[in-house]
Amino acid sequence: MTIDCAPDLTPAAALFRSLGDPARLAIVRRLAQGEARVVDLTRALGLAQSTVSKHVACLRGCGLVDYRVEGRQSFYSLSHPELVDLLRSAELLLAATGSAVALCPVYGDPAVAQAAS
């Protein structure tokens, strides 16, 4: 009998997929500074209201963003302060690897990879 000691990595993969969009990362980064309404995020990030709303809904569905209602307005915030630590760790890893991640042929930015070659 074989016992599988490996943890189920599916939830971790889903977490990283939820953060795998530049707009969602920008929203999370902004919310790390404090709560905001969709209109605040739209102005701060230069994104369309529909785009921000869609990504905020995704982040809420993943349990990363929460909200509170005040009158007719919703104020969004990070559900877990640990997310800020995760982003800081990612920034440290990116600094340590230089542009290696951006140049990755599978997950990197094609424009960055083209410019480097």
PDB file of N, CA and C in Angstrom:
ATOM      1  N   MET A   1       0.838  -1.176   0.000  1.00  0.00           N
ATOM      2  CA  MET A   1       0.000   0.000   0.000  1.00  0.00           C
ATOM      3  C   MET A   1       0.883   1.239   0.000  1.00  0.00           C
ATOM      4  N   THR A   2       0.590   2.186  -0.905  1.00  0.00           N
ATOM      5  CA  THR A   2       1.339   3.425  -1.009  1.00  0.00           C
ATOM      6  C   THR A   2       0.521   4.562  -0.404  1.00  0.00           C
ATOM      7  N   ILE A   3       1.167   5.346   0.427  1.00  0.00           N
ATOM      8  CA  ILE A   3       0.502   6.494   1.034  1.00  0.00           C
ATOM      9  C   ILE A   3       1.054   7.748   0.378  1.00  0.00           C
ATOM     10  N   ASP A   4       0.159   8.553  -0.158  1.00  0.00           N
ATOM     11  CA  ASP A   4       0.555   9.802  -0.804  1.00  0.00           C
ATOM     12  C   ASP A   4       0.744  10.862   0.272  1.00  0.00           C
ATOM     13  N   CYS A   5       1.979  11.248   0.518  1.00  0.00           N
ATOM     14  CA  CYS A   5       2.280  12.242   1.546  1.00  0.00           C
ATOM     15  C   CYS A   5       2.304  13.659   0.982  1.00  0.00           C
ATOM     16  N   ALA A   6       2.209  13.782  -0.325  1.00  0.00           N
ATOM     17  CA  ALA A   6       2.252  15.112  -0.940  1.00  0.00           C
ATOM     18  C   ALA A   6       0.950  15.857  -0.664  1.00  0.00           C
ATOM     19  N   PRO A   7       1.066  17.115  -0.261  1.00  0.00           N
ATOM     20  CA  PRO A   7      -0.151  17.890  -0.022  1.00  0.00           C
ATOM     21  C   PRO A   7      -0.848  18.205  -1.339  1.00  0.00           C
ATOM     22  N   ASP A   8      -2.135  18.428  -1.270  1.00  0.00           N
ATOM     23  CA  ASP A   8      -2.893  18.827  -2.453  1.00  0.00           C
ATOM     24  C   ASP A   8      -2.503  20.265  -2.786  1.00  0.00           C
ATOM     25  N   LEU A   9      -1.893  20.446  -3.923  1.00  0.00           N
ATOM     26  CA  LEU A   9      -1.429  21.771  -4.332  1.00  0.00           C
ATOM     27  C   LEU A   9      -2.465  22.541  -5.133  1.00  0.00           C
ATOM     28  N   THR A  10      -3.628  21.959  -5.349  1.00  0.00           N
ATOM     29  CA  THR A  10      -4.668  22.614  -6.142  1.00  0.00           C
ATOM     30  C   THR A  10      -5.085  23.962  -5.561  1.00  0.00           C
ATOM     31  N   PRO A  11      -5.336  24.064  -4.247  1.00  0.00           N
ATOM     32  CA  PRO A  11      -5.709  25.385  -3.712  1.00  0.00           C
ATOM     33  C   PRO A  11      -4.608  26.433  -3.891  1.00  0.00           C
ATOM     34  N   ALA A  12      -3.358  26.033  -3.723  1.00  0.00           N
ATOM     35  CA  ALA A  12      -2.255  26.985  -3.909  1.00  0.00           C
ATOM     36  C   ALA A  12      -2.177  27.438  -5.356  1.00  0.00           C
ATOM     37  N   ALA A  13      -2.355  26.501  -6.277  1.00  0.00           N
ATOM     38  CA  ALA A  13      -2.344  26.868  -7.694  1.00  0.00           C
ATOM     39  C   ALA A  13      -3.483  27.835  -8.012  1.00  0.00           C
ATOM     40  N   ALA A  14      -4.655  27.598  -7.424  1.00  0.00           N
ATOM     41  CA  ALA A  14      -5.792  28.495  -7.638  1.00  0.00           C
ATOM     42  C   ALA A  14      -5.500  29.884  -7.079  1.00  0.00           C
ATOM     43  N   LEU A  15      -4.842  29.944  -5.918  1.00  0.00           N
ATOM     44  CA  LEU A  15      -4.474  31.240  -5.339  1.00  0.00           C
ATOM     45  C   LEU A  15      -3.584  32.019  -6.294  1.00  0.00           C
ATOM     46  N   PHE A  16      -2.561  31.358  -6.813  1.00  0.00           N
ATOM     47  CA  PHE A  16      -1.637  32.056  -7.703  1.00  0.00           C
ATOM     48  C   PHE A  16      -2.304  32.427  -9.035  1.00  0.00           C
ATOM     49  N   ARG A  17      -3.232  31.591  -9.506  1.00  0.00           N
ATOM     50  CA  ARG A  17      -3.983  31.962 -10.716  1.00  0.00           C
ATOM     51  C   ARG A  17      -4.830  33.205 -10.449  1.00  0.00           C
ATOM     52  N   SER A  18      -5.413  33.288  -9.257  1.00  0.00           N
ATOM     53  CA  SER A  18      -6.247  34.455  -8.938  1.00  0.00           C
ATOM     54  C   SER A  18      -5.419  35.733  -8.920  1.00  0.00           C
ATOM     55  N   LEU A  19      -4.142  35.622  -8.659  1.00  0.00           N
ATOM     56  CA  LEU A  19      -3.251  36.783  -8.647  1.00  0.00           C
ATOM     57  C   LEU A  19      -2.488  36.925  -9.961  1.00  0.00           C
ATOM     58  N   GLY A  20      -2.792  36.068 -10.922  1.00  0.00           N
ATOM     59  CA  GLY A  20      -2.026  36.003 -12.161  1.00  0.00           C
ATOM     60  C   GLY A  20      -2.428  36.989 -13.235  1.00  0.00           C
ATOM     61  N   ASP A  21      -3.170  38.009 -12.889  1.00  0.00           N
ATOM     62  CA  ASP A  21      -3.569  39.022 -13.861  1.00  0.00           C
ATOM     63  C   ASP A  21      -3.032  40.372 -13.390  1.00  0.00           C
ATOM     64  N   PRO A  22      -2.391  41.142 -14.268  1.00  0.00           N
ATOM     65  CA  PRO A  22      -1.832  42.432 -13.846  1.00  0.00           C
ATOM     66  C   PRO A  22      -2.868  43.375 -13.228  1.00  0.00           C
ATOM     67  N   ALA A  23      -4.084  43.372 -13.729  1.00  0.00           N
ATOM     68  CA  ALA A  23      -5.115  44.252 -13.165  1.00  0.00           C
ATOM     69  C   ALA A  23      -5.464  43.827 -11.744  1.00  0.00           C
ATOM     70  N   ARG A  24      -5.590  42.524 -11.513  1.00  0.00           N
ATOM     71  CA  ARG A  24      -5.902  42.055 -10.164  1.00  0.00           C
ATOM     72  C   ARG A  24      -4.753  42.349  -9.207  1.00  0.00           C
ATOM     73  N   LEU A  25      -3.522  42.172  -9.671  1.00  0.00           N
ATOM     74  CA  LEU A  25      -2.379  42.508  -8.826  1.00  0.00           C
ATOM     75  C   LEU A  25      -2.364  43.999  -8.497  1.00  0.00           C
ATOM     76  N   ALA A  26      -2.676  44.821  -9.470  1.00  0.00           N
ATOM     77  CA  ALA A  26      -2.718  46.269  -9.230  1.00  0.00           C
ATOM     78  C   ALA A  26      -3.806  46.614  -8.213  1.00  0.00           C
ATOM     79  N   ILE A  27      -4.943  45.963  -8.296  1.00  0.00           N
ATOM     80  CA  ILE A  27      -6.019  46.191  -7.335  1.00  0.00           C
ATOM     81  C   ILE A  27      -5.569  45.774  -5.939  1.00  0.00           C
ATOM     82  N   VAL A  28      -4.972  44.600  -5.833  1.00  0.00           N
ATOM     83  CA  VAL A  28      -4.500  44.119  -4.534  1.00  0.00           C
ATOM     84  C   VAL A  28      -3.451  45.079  -3.972  1.00  0.00           C
ATOM     85  N   ARG A  29      -2.555  45.506  -4.822  1.00  0.00           N
ATOM     86  CA  ARG A  29      -1.495  46.421  -4.384  1.00  0.00           C
ATOM     87  C   ARG A  29      -2.098  47.722  -3.855  1.00  0.00           C
ATOM     88  N   ARG A  30      -3.098  48.241  -4.572  1.00  0.00           N
ATOM     89  CA  ARG A  30      -3.758  49.474  -4.117  1.00  0.00           C
ATOM     90  C   ARG A  30      -4.509  49.240  -2.809  1.00  0.00           C
ATOM     91  N   LEU A  31      -5.215  48.105  -2.692  1.00  0.00           N
ATOM     92  CA  LEU A  31      -5.970  47.823  -1.477  1.00  0.00           C
ATOM     93  C   LEU A  31      -5.049  47.561  -0.285  1.00  0.00           C
ATOM     94  N   ALA A  32      -3.799  47.213  -0.544  1.00  0.00           N
ATOM     95  CA  ALA A  32      -2.836  47.047   0.542  1.00  0.00           C
ATOM     96  C   ALA A  32      -2.590  48.379   1.253  1.00  0.00           C
ATOM     97  N   GLN A  33      -2.886  49.479   0.569  1.00  0.00           N
ATOM     98  CA  GLN A  33      -2.720  50.815   1.157  1.00  0.00           C
ATOM     99  C   GLN A  33      -3.944  51.231   1.966  1.00  0.00           C
ATOM    100  N   GLY A  34      -5.043  50.531   1.801  1.00  0.00           N
ATOM    101  CA  GLY A  34      -6.269  50.868   2.515  1.00  0.00           C
ATOM    102  C   GLY A  34      -7.479  50.632   1.641  1.00  0.00           C
ATOM    103  N   GLU A  35      -8.651  50.676   2.258  1.00  0.00           N
ATOM    104  CA  GLU A  35      -9.867  50.369   1.523  1.00  0.00           C
ATOM    105  C   GLU A  35     -10.144  51.404   0.442  1.00  0.00           C
ATOM    106  N   ALA A  36     -10.933  50.971  -0.555  1.00  0.00           N
ATOM    107  CA  ALA A  36     -11.257  51.840  -1.682  1.00  0.00           C
ATOM    108  C   ALA A  36     -12.563  51.390  -2.319  1.00  0.00           C
ATOM    109  N   ARG A  37     -13.217  52.334  -2.964  1.00  0.00           N
ATOM    110  CA  ARG A  37     -14.406  52.028  -3.754  1.00  0.00           C
ATOM    111  C   ARG A  37     -13.960  51.711  -5.174  1.00  0.00           C
ATOM    112  N   VAL A  38     -14.864  51.146  -5.954  1.00  0.00           N
ATOM    113  CA  VAL A  38     -14.534  50.844  -7.354  1.00  0.00           C
ATOM    114  C   VAL A  38     -14.124  52.124  -8.073  1.00  0.00           C
ATOM    115  N   VAL A  39     -14.825  53.218  -7.833  1.00  0.00           N
ATOM    116  CA  VAL A  39     -14.483  54.480  -8.498  1.00  0.00           C
ATOM    117  C   VAL A  39     -13.074  54.937  -8.116  1.00  0.00           C
ATOM    118  N   ASP A  40     -12.678  54.722  -6.869  1.00  0.00           N
ATOM    119  CA  ASP A  40     -11.319  55.067  -6.441  1.00  0.00           C
ATOM    120  C   ASP A  40     -10.293  54.211  -7.166  1.00  0.00           C
ATOM    121  N   LEU A  41     -10.575  52.913  -7.278  1.00  0.00           N
ATOM    122  CA  LEU A  41      -9.664  52.007  -7.978  1.00  0.00           C
ATOM    123  C   LEU A  41      -9.575  52.359  -9.451  1.00  0.00           C
ATOM    124  N   THR A  42     -10.707  52.716 -10.040  1.00  0.00           N
ATOM    125  CA  THR A  42     -10.738  53.101 -11.456  1.00  0.00           C
ATOM    126  C   THR A  42      -9.836  54.299 -11.700  1.00  0.00           C
ATOM    127  N   ARG A  43      -9.961  55.304 -10.856  1.00  0.00           N
ATOM    128  CA  ARG A  43      -9.132  56.516 -11.003  1.00  0.00           C
ATOM    129  C   ARG A  43      -7.663  56.232 -10.742  1.00  0.00           C
ATOM    130  N   ALA A  44      -7.384  55.478  -9.689  1.00  0.00           N
ATOM    131  CA  ALA A  44      -5.991  55.222  -9.311  1.00  0.00           C
ATOM    132  C   ALA A  44      -5.260  54.361 -10.332  1.00  0.00           C
ATOM    133  N   LEU A  45      -5.975  53.427 -10.948  1.00  0.00           N
ATOM    134  CA  LEU A  45      -5.321  52.462 -11.833  1.00  0.00           C
ATOM    135  C   LEU A  45      -5.501  52.770 -13.315  1.00  0.00           C
ATOM    136  N   GLY A  46      -6.380  53.699 -13.632  1.00  0.00           N
ATOM    137  CA  GLY A  46      -6.606  54.043 -15.036  1.00  0.00           C
ATOM    138  C   GLY A  46      -7.292  52.932 -15.816  1.00  0.00           C
ATOM    139  N   LEU A  47      -8.110  52.148 -15.127  1.00  0.00           N
ATOM    140  CA  LEU A  47      -8.828  51.051 -15.763  1.00  0.00           C
ATOM    141  C   LEU A  47     -10.302  51.411 -15.878  1.00  0.00           C
ATOM    142  N   ALA A  48     -10.985  50.748 -16.796  1.00  0.00           N
ATOM    143  CA  ALA A  48     -12.418  50.950 -16.956  1.00  0.00           C
ATOM    144  C   ALA A  48     -13.161  50.419 -15.735  1.00  0.00           C
ATOM    145  N   GLN A  49     -14.284  51.047 -15.414  1.00  0.00           N
ATOM    146  CA  GLN A  49     -15.090  50.633 -14.267  1.00  0.00           C
ATOM    147  C   GLN A  49     -15.502  49.174 -14.383  1.00  0.00           C
ATOM    148  N   SER A  50     -15.888  48.751 -15.590  1.00  0.00           N
ATOM    149  CA  SER A  50     -16.313  47.364 -15.771  1.00  0.00           C
ATOM    150  C   SER A  50     -15.164  46.390 -15.524  1.00  0.00           C
ATOM    151  N   THR A  51     -13.962  46.771 -15.911  1.00  0.00           N
ATOM    152  CA  THR A  51     -12.778  45.936 -15.686  1.00  0.00           C
ATOM    153  C   THR A  51     -12.493  45.802 -14.199  1.00  0.00           C
ATOM    154  N   VAL A  52     -12.512  46.934 -13.496  1.00  0.00           N
ATOM    155  CA  VAL A  52     -12.256  46.906 -12.058  1.00  0.00           C
ATOM    156  C   VAL A  52     -13.323  46.077 -11.351  1.00  0.00           C
ATOM    157  N   SER A  53     -14.584  46.290 -11.695  1.00  0.00           N
ATOM    158  CA  SER A  53     -15.675  45.549 -11.055  1.00  0.00           C
ATOM    159  C   SER A  53     -15.521  44.050 -11.266  1.00  0.00           C
ATOM    160  N   LYS A  54     -15.166  43.660 -12.485  1.00  0.00           N
ATOM    161  CA  LYS A  54     -14.983  42.235 -12.800  1.00  0.00           C
ATOM    162  C   LYS A  54     -13.855  41.630 -11.970  1.00  0.00           C
ATOM    163  N   HIS A  55     -12.754  42.331 -11.868  1.00  0.00           N
ATOM    164  CA  HIS A  55     -11.604  41.800 -11.137  1.00  0.00           C
ATOM    165  C   HIS A  55     -11.832  41.820  -9.626  1.00  0.00           C
ATOM    166  N   VAL A  56     -12.520  42.842  -9.133  1.00  0.00           N
ATOM    167  CA  VAL A  56     -12.849  42.872  -7.701  1.00  0.00           C
ATOM    168  C   VAL A  56     -13.771  41.699  -7.361  1.00  0.00           C
ATOM    169  N   ALA A  57     -14.723  41.424  -8.251  1.00  0.00           N
ATOM    170  CA  ALA A  57     -15.629  40.283  -8.031  1.00  0.00           C
ATOM    171  C   ALA A  57     -14.846  38.973  -7.995  1.00  0.00           C
ATOM    172  N   CYS A  58     -13.873  38.836  -8.861  1.00  0.00           N
ATOM    173  CA  CYS A  58     -13.021  37.639  -8.874  1.00  0.00           C
ATOM    174  C   CYS A  58     -12.262  37.513  -7.559  1.00  0.00           C
ATOM    175  N   LEU A  59     -11.659  38.605  -7.122  1.00  0.00           N
ATOM    176  CA  LEU A  59     -10.889  38.582  -5.876  1.00  0.00           C
ATOM    177  C   LEU A  59     -11.785  38.318  -4.668  1.00  0.00           C
ATOM    178  N   ARG A  60     -13.003  38.827  -4.711  1.00  0.00           N
ATOM    179  CA  ARG A  60     -13.965  38.538  -3.636  1.00  0.00           C
ATOM    180  C   ARG A  60     -14.335  37.059  -3.653  1.00  0.00           C
ATOM    181  N   GLY A  61     -14.566  36.523  -4.846  1.00  0.00           N
ATOM    182  CA  GLY A  61     -14.915  35.109  -4.974  1.00  0.00           C
ATOM    183  C   GLY A  61     -13.823  34.195  -4.463  1.00  0.00           C
ATOM    184  N   CYS A  62     -12.586  34.644  -4.559  1.00  0.00           N
ATOM    185  CA  CYS A  62     -11.445  33.867  -4.064  1.00  0.00           C
ATOM    186  C   CYS A  62     -11.220  34.077  -2.573  1.00  0.00           C
ATOM    187  N   GLY A  63     -11.965  34.974  -1.982  1.00  0.00           N
ATOM    188  CA  GLY A  63     -11.808  35.247  -0.559  1.00  0.00           C
ATOM    189  C   GLY A  63     -10.646  36.157  -0.217  1.00  0.00           C
ATOM    190  N   LEU A  64     -10.096  36.836  -1.214  1.00  0.00           N
ATOM    191  CA  LEU A  64      -8.952  37.712  -0.978  1.00  0.00           C
ATOM    192  C   LEU A  64      -9.359  39.142  -0.666  1.00  0.00           C
ATOM    193  N   VAL A  65     -10.558  39.522  -1.101  1.00  0.00           N
ATOM    194  CA  VAL A  65     -11.060  40.882  -0.903  1.00  0.00           C
ATOM    195  C   VAL A  65     -12.419  40.790  -0.226  1.00  0.00           C
ATOM    196  N   ASP A  66     -12.641  41.708   0.689  1.00  0.00           N
ATOM    197  CA  ASP A  66     -13.916  41.798   1.387  1.00  0.00           C
ATOM    198  C   ASP A  66     -14.460  43.206   1.157  1.00  0.00           C
ATOM    199  N   TYR A  67     -15.677  43.455   1.600  1.00  0.00           N
ATOM    200  CA  TYR A  67     -16.244  44.786   1.448  1.00  0.00           C
ATOM    201  C   TYR A  67     -17.176  45.110   2.596  1.00  0.00           C
ATOM    202  N   ARG A  68     -17.416  46.401   2.744  1.00  0.00           N
ATOM    203  CA  ARG A  68     -18.412  46.880   3.692  1.00  0.00           C
ATOM    204  C   ARG A  68     -19.248  47.919   2.967  1.00  0.00           C
ATOM    205  N   VAL A  69     -20.498  47.992   3.330  1.00  0.00           N
ATOM    206  CA  VAL A  69     -21.425  48.928   2.699  1.00  0.00           C
ATOM    207  C   VAL A  69     -21.635  50.106   3.630  1.00  0.00           C
ATOM    208  N   GLU A  70     -21.569  51.280   3.045  1.00  0.00           N
ATOM    209  CA  GLU A  70     -21.860  52.523   3.764  1.00  0.00           C
ATOM    210  C   GLU A  70     -22.789  53.332   2.872  1.00  0.00           C
ATOM    211  N   GLY A  71     -24.045  53.386   3.256  1.00  0.00           N
ATOM    212  CA  GLY A  71     -25.025  54.046   2.398  1.00  0.00           C
ATOM    213  C   GLY A  71     -25.176  53.266   1.107  1.00  0.00           C
ATOM    214  N   ARG A  72     -24.939  53.944   0.006  1.00  0.00           N
ATOM    215  CA  ARG A  72     -25.032  53.290  -1.306  1.00  0.00           C
ATOM    216  C   ARG A  72     -23.670  52.909  -1.868  1.00  0.00           C
ATOM    217  N   GLN A  73     -22.635  53.033  -1.056  1.00  0.00           N
ATOM    218  CA  GLN A  73     -21.279  52.769  -1.527  1.00  0.00           C
ATOM    219  C   GLN A  73     -20.715  51.511  -0.884  1.00  0.00           C
ATOM    220  N   SER A  74     -19.886  50.818  -1.645  1.00  0.00           N
ATOM    221  CA  SER A  74     -19.165  49.652  -1.132  1.00  0.00           C
ATOM    222  C   SER A  74     -17.684  49.990  -1.068  1.00  0.00           C
ATOM    223  N   PHE A  75     -17.104  49.696   0.077  1.00  0.00           N
ATOM    224  CA  PHE A  75     -15.683  49.927   0.286  1.00  0.00           C
ATOM    225  C   PHE A  75     -14.994  48.569   0.359  1.00  0.00           C
ATOM    226  N   TYR A  76     -13.990  48.384  -0.497  1.00  0.00           N
ATOM    227  CA  TYR A  76     -13.287  47.111  -0.599  1.00  0.00           C
ATOM    228  C   TYR A  76     -11.966  47.176   0.159  1.00  0.00           C
ATOM    229  N   SER A  77     -11.586  46.033   0.714  1.00  0.00           N
ATOM    230  CA  SER A  77     -10.328  45.923   1.447  1.00  0.00           C
ATOM    231  C   SER A  77      -9.821  44.489   1.320  1.00  0.00           C
ATOM    232  N   LEU A  78      -8.549  44.308   1.662  1.00  0.00           N
ATOM    233  CA  LEU A  78      -7.985  42.966   1.650  1.00  0.00           C
ATOM    234  C   LEU A  78      -8.569  42.171   2.812  1.00  0.00           C
ATOM    235  N   SER A  79      -8.933  40.943   2.545  1.00  0.00           N
ATOM    236  CA  SER A  79      -9.502  40.081   3.590  1.00  0.00           C
ATOM    237  C   SER A  79      -8.442  39.573   4.553  1.00  0.00           C
ATOM    238  N   HIS A  80      -7.227  39.412   4.051  1.00  0.00           N
ATOM    239  CA  HIS A  80      -6.157  38.810   4.845  1.00  0.00           C
ATOM    240  C   HIS A  80      -4.883  39.638   4.694  1.00  0.00           C
ATOM    241  N   PRO A  81      -4.379  40.201   5.786  1.00  0.00           N
ATOM    242  CA  PRO A  81      -3.147  40.995   5.696  1.00  0.00           C
ATOM    243  C   PRO A  81      -1.944  40.167   5.244  1.00  0.00           C
ATOM    244  N   GLU A  82      -2.033  38.845   5.364  1.00  0.00           N
ATOM    245  CA  GLU A  82      -0.932  37.983   4.904  1.00  0.00           C
ATOM    246  C   GLU A  82      -0.671  38.140   3.407  1.00  0.00           C
ATOM    247  N   LEU A  83      -1.669  38.602   2.690  1.00  0.00           N
ATOM    248  CA  LEU A  83      -1.505  38.798   1.249  1.00  0.00           C
ATOM    249  C   LEU A  83      -0.421  39.840   0.967  1.00  0.00           C
ATOM    250  N   VAL A  84      -0.309  40.842   1.818  1.00  0.00           N
ATOM    251  CA  VAL A  84       0.737  41.856   1.663  1.00  0.00           C
ATOM    252  C   VAL A  84       2.101  41.198   1.828  1.00  0.00           C
ATOM    253  N   ASP A  85       2.232  40.289   2.792  1.00  0.00           N
ATOM    254  CA  ASP A  85       3.494  39.573   2.989  1.00  0.00           C
ATOM    255  C   ASP A  85       3.836  38.723   1.771  1.00  0.00           C
ATOM    256  N   LEU A  86       2.822  38.085   1.186  1.00  0.00           N
ATOM    257  CA  LEU A  86       3.041  37.277  -0.015  1.00  0.00           C
ATOM    258  C   LEU A  86       3.552  38.150  -1.162  1.00  0.00           C
ATOM    259  N   LEU A  87       2.960  39.322  -1.335  1.00  0.00           N
ATOM    260  CA  LEU A  87       3.403  40.222  -2.401  1.00  0.00           C
ATOM    261  C   LEU A  87       4.820  40.725  -2.142  1.00  0.00           C
ATOM    262  N   ARG A  88       5.134  41.019  -0.896  1.00  0.00           N
ATOM    263  CA  ARG A  88       6.508  41.445  -0.562  1.00  0.00           C
ATOM    264  C   ARG A  88       7.501  40.329  -0.881  1.00  0.00           C
ATOM    265  N   SER A  89       7.141  39.100  -0.545  1.00  0.00           N
ATOM    266  CA  SER A  89       8.009  37.962  -0.855  1.00  0.00           C
ATOM    267  C   SER A  89       8.184  37.814  -2.354  1.00  0.00           C
ATOM    268  N   ALA A  90       7.107  38.009  -3.106  1.00  0.00           N
ATOM    269  CA  ALA A  90       7.187  37.920  -4.565  1.00  0.00           C
ATOM    270  C   ALA A  90       8.105  38.997  -5.117  1.00  0.00           C
ATOM    271  N   GLU A  91       8.013  40.211  -4.563  1.00  0.00           N
ATOM    272  CA  GLU A  91       8.892  41.291  -5.016  1.00  0.00           C
ATOM    273  C   GLU A  91      10.360  40.962  -4.740  1.00  0.00           C
ATOM    274  N   LEU A  92      10.631  40.364  -3.583  1.00  0.00           N
ATOM    275  CA  LEU A  92      12.004  39.954  -3.259  1.00  0.00           C
ATOM    276  C   LEU A  92      12.501  38.879  -4.219  1.00  0.00           C
ATOM    277  N   LEU A  93      11.636  37.932  -4.526  1.00  0.00           N
ATOM    278  CA  LEU A  93      12.003  36.872  -5.459  1.00  0.00           C
ATOM    279  C   LEU A  93      12.251  37.439  -6.856  1.00  0.00           C
ATOM    280  N   LEU A  94      11.401  38.361  -7.281  1.00  0.00           N
ATOM    281  CA  LEU A  94      11.600  38.991  -8.586  1.00  0.00           C
ATOM    282  C   LEU A  94      12.906  39.770  -8.629  1.00  0.00           C
ATOM    283  N   ALA A  95      13.229  40.460  -7.556  1.00  0.00           N
ATOM    284  CA  ALA A  95      14.495  41.199  -7.497  1.00  0.00           C
ATOM    285  C   ALA A  95      15.677  40.238  -7.564  1.00  0.00           C
ATOM    286  N   ALA A  96      15.541  39.087  -6.897  1.00  0.00           N
ATOM    287  CA  ALA A  96      16.632  38.107  -6.875  1.00  0.00           C
ATOM    288  C   ALA A  96      16.843  37.438  -8.230  1.00  0.00           C
ATOM    289  N   THR A  97      15.762  37.251  -8.993  1.00  0.00           N
ATOM    290  CA  THR A  97      15.882  36.570 -10.282  1.00  0.00           C
ATOM    291  C   THR A  97      16.086  37.536 -11.432  1.00  0.00           C
ATOM    292  N   GLY A  98      16.079  38.815 -11.166  1.00  0.00           N
ATOM    293  CA  GLY A  98      16.225  39.786 -12.241  1.00  0.00           C
ATOM    294  C   GLY A  98      15.053  39.678 -13.195  1.00  0.00           C
ATOM    295  N   SER A  99      15.348  39.578 -14.458  1.00  0.00           N
ATOM    296  CA  SER A  99      14.272  39.493 -15.451  1.00  0.00           C
ATOM    297  C   SER A  99      13.991  38.059 -15.872  1.00  0.00           C
ATOM    298  N   ALA A 100      14.497  37.081 -15.136  1.00  0.00           N
ATOM    299  CA  ALA A 100      14.334  35.685 -15.539  1.00  0.00           C
ATOM    300  C   ALA A 100      12.873  35.297 -15.689  1.00  0.00           C
ATOM    301  N   VAL A 101      12.010  35.732 -14.777  1.00  0.00           N
ATOM    302  CA  VAL A 101      10.598  35.378 -14.860  1.00  0.00           C
ATOM    303  C   VAL A 101       9.953  36.059 -16.065  1.00  0.00           C
ATOM    304  N   ALA A 102      10.275  37.316 -16.298  1.00  0.00           N
ATOM    305  CA  ALA A 102       9.700  38.041 -17.434  1.00  0.00           C
ATOM    306  C   ALA A 102      10.132  37.419 -18.757  1.00  0.00           C
ATOM    307  N   LEU A 103      11.302  36.777 -18.770  1.00  0.00           N
ATOM    308  CA  LEU A 103      11.814  36.168 -19.992  1.00  0.00           C
ATOM    309  C   LEU A 103      11.369  34.726 -20.168  1.00  0.00           C
ATOM    310  N   CYS A 104      10.681  34.163 -19.180  1.00  0.00           N
ATOM    311  CA  CYS A 104      10.231  32.780 -19.259  1.00  0.00           C
ATOM    312  C   CYS A 104       9.381  32.585 -20.522  1.00  0.00           C
ATOM    313  N   PRO A 105       9.718  31.599 -21.369  1.00  0.00           N
ATOM    314  CA  PRO A 105       8.982  31.420 -22.617  1.00  0.00           C
ATOM    315  C   PRO A 105       7.533  30.966 -22.418  1.00  0.00           C
ATOM    316  N   VAL A 106       7.208  30.413 -21.270  1.00  0.00           N
ATOM    317  CA  VAL A 106       5.846  29.938 -21.023  1.00  0.00           C
ATOM    318  C   VAL A 106       5.001  31.008 -20.347  1.00  0.00           C
ATOM    319  N   TYR A 107       5.521  31.622 -19.284  1.00  0.00           N
ATOM    320  CA  TYR A 107       4.721  32.536 -18.476  1.00  0.00           C
ATOM    321  C   TYR A 107       5.161  33.989 -18.555  1.00  0.00           C
ATOM    322  N   GLY A 108       6.264  34.251 -19.202  1.00  0.00           N
ATOM    323  CA  GLY A 108       6.782  35.609 -19.246  1.00  0.00           C
ATOM    324  C   GLY A 108       6.020  36.508 -20.201  1.00  0.00           C
ATOM    325  N   ASP A 109       6.424  37.752 -20.212  1.00  0.00           N
ATOM    326  CA  ASP A 109       5.832  38.757 -21.083  1.00  0.00           C
ATOM    327  C   ASP A 109       6.517  38.678 -22.447  1.00  0.00           C
ATOM    328  N   PRO A 110       5.770  38.350 -23.515  1.00  0.00           N
ATOM    329  CA  PRO A 110       6.389  38.215 -24.839  1.00  0.00           C
ATOM    330  C   PRO A 110       7.100  39.486 -25.280  1.00  0.00           C
ATOM    331  N   ALA A 111       6.588  40.651 -24.907  1.00  0.00           N
ATOM    332  CA  ALA A 111       7.218  41.909 -25.302  1.00  0.00           C
ATOM    333  C   ALA A 111       8.590  42.065 -24.623  1.00  0.00           C
ATOM    334  N   VAL A 112       8.678  41.665 -23.366  1.00  0.00           N
ATOM    335  CA  VAL A 112       9.948  41.747 -22.638  1.00  0.00           C
ATOM    336  C   VAL A 112      10.943  40.752 -23.240  1.00  0.00           C
ATOM    337  N   ALA A 113      10.484  39.542 -23.515  1.00  0.00           N
ATOM    338  CA  ALA A 113      11.356  38.517 -24.091  1.00  0.00           C
ATOM    339  C   ALA A 113      11.864  38.954 -25.467  1.00  0.00           C
ATOM    340  N   GLN A 114      10.991  39.564 -26.273  1.00  0.00           N
ATOM    341  CA  GLN A 114      11.389  40.036 -27.609  1.00  0.00           C
ATOM    342  C   GLN A 114      12.416  41.153 -27.500  1.00  0.00           C
ATOM    343  N   ALA A 115      12.206  42.077 -26.577  1.00  0.00           N
ATOM    344  CA  ALA A 115      13.137  43.200 -26.405  1.00  0.00           C
ATOM    345  C   ALA A 115      14.506  42.733 -25.933  1.00  0.00           C
ATOM    346  N   ALA A 116      14.541  41.659 -25.147  1.00  0.00           N
ATOM    347  CA  ALA A 116      15.800  41.151 -24.605  1.00  0.00           C
ATOM    348  C   ALA A 116      16.613  40.407 -25.659  1.00  0.00           C
ATOM    349  N   SER A 117      15.940  39.911 -26.702  1.00  0.00           N
ATOM    350  CA  SER A 117      16.691  39.138 -27.701  1.00  0.00           C
ATOM    351  C   SER A 117      17.189  39.975 -28.845  1.00  0.00           C
TER     352      SER A 117
END
